[in-house]
Amino acid sequence: MKKAFTLVELLVVIAIIGILSTLSVVALNSARAKARDARRLSDIRQIQMALEMYYDSVGIYPVSLTPGSPLSYNGFDFSG
């Protein structure tokens, strides 16, 4: 007599694998979201530091900023 898995046993194993893979995907997405938030906070701190350095050197904050261009004044680059 051959030993084999029953259909119910195979379905249970497939269900368990599906649940585990779903849980791992949810955990991975949560970790990615936390990493994006940490990156955003870091970027904001860098912008804040550059603006404070600009203010210390010039005495006023810049009137306007152009996205993608460096924050500079009289040849000094404050964009880090």
Protein backbone atom coordinates (compact mmCIF):
# COMPACT_ATOMS: atom_id res chain seq x y z
CA MET A 1 0.00 0.00 0.00
CA LYS A 2 1.41 3.39 -1.01
CA LYS A 3 1.64 6.21 1.50
CA ALA A 4 0.37 9.48 0.10
CA PHE A 5 -1.00 12.80 1.30
CA THR A 6 -4.73 13.24 1.28
CA LEU A 7 -6.40 16.13 -0.48
CA VAL A 8 -7.34 17.70 2.85
CA GLU A 9 -3.75 17.62 4.08
CA LEU A 10 -2.52 19.27 0.88
CA LEU A 11 -5.19 21.99 1.12
CA VAL A 12 -4.25 22.69 4.76
CA VAL A 13 -0.58 23.05 3.85
CA ILE A 14 -1.42 25.37 0.94
CA ALA A 15 -3.64 27.48 3.22
CA ILE A 16 -0.87 27.78 5.82
CA ILE A 17 1.65 28.82 3.17
CA GLY A 18 -0.81 31.41 1.86
CA ILE A 19 -1.37 32.87 5.33
CA LEU A 20 2.36 33.05 6.04
CA SER A 21 3.10 34.74 2.72
CA THR A 22 0.32 37.29 3.31
CA LEU A 23 1.68 38.12 6.75
CA SER A 24 5.19 38.57 5.39
CA VAL A 25 3.99 40.91 2.63
CA VAL A 26 2.07 43.03 5.16
CA ALA A 27 5.13 43.24 7.42
CA LEU A 28 7.35 44.19 4.48
CA ASN A 29 5.00 46.97 3.39
CA SER A 30 4.93 48.32 6.95
CA ALA A 31 8.72 48.36 7.08
CA ARG A 32 8.88 50.16 3.73
CA ALA A 33 6.45 52.81 4.95
CA LYS A 34 8.54 53.40 8.08
CA ALA A 35 11.69 53.69 5.97
CA ARG A 36 10.02 56.26 3.69
CA ASP A 37 8.87 58.27 6.72
CA ALA A 38 12.38 58.22 8.20
CA ARG A 39 13.80 59.42 4.88
CA ARG A 40 11.28 62.28 4.74
CA LEU A 41 12.18 63.38 8.26
CA SER A 42 15.86 63.29 7.37
CA ASP A 43 15.25 65.39 4.26
CA ILE A 44 13.29 67.97 6.26
CA ARG A 45 16.10 68.20 8.82
CA GLN A 46 18.64 68.76 6.05
CA ILE A 47 16.52 71.53 4.55
CA GLN A 48 16.12 73.10 7.98
CA MET A 49 19.88 72.96 8.58
CA ALA A 50 20.63 74.52 5.18
CA LEU A 51 18.16 77.35 5.83
CA GLU A 52 19.66 78.01 9.27
CA MET A 53 23.18 78.08 7.83
CA TYR A 54 21.97 80.51 5.14
CA TYR A 55 20.36 82.71 7.78
CA ASP A 56 23.53 82.70 9.91
CA SER A 57 25.63 83.80 6.92
CA VAL A 58 23.27 86.27 5.22
CA GLY A 59 21.08 87.53 8.07
CA ILE A 60 17.76 86.80 6.34
CA TYR A 61 15.99 83.74 5.03
CA PRO A 62 15.82 83.32 1.25
CA VAL A 63 12.77 84.91 -0.33
CA SER A 64 12.16 82.02 -2.70
CA LEU A 65 13.58 78.58 -3.44
CA THR A 66 13.70 76.79 -6.76
CA PRO A 67 13.19 73.02 -6.47
CA GLY A 68 16.25 71.14 -7.68
CA SER A 69 18.62 74.08 -7.56
CA PRO A 70 21.21 74.53 -4.80
CA LEU A 71 20.75 77.02 -1.97
CA SER A 72 23.70 79.38 -2.44
CA TYR A 73 24.75 82.97 -1.77
CA ASN A 74 27.91 84.77 -2.92
CA GLY A 75 29.53 81.54 -4.00
CA PHE A 76 28.73 79.65 -0.78
CA ASP A 77 26.67 76.50 -1.22
CA PHE A 78 24.36 75.67 1.70
CA SER A 79 22.67 72.61 0.23
CA GLY A 80 25.13 70.19 1.81
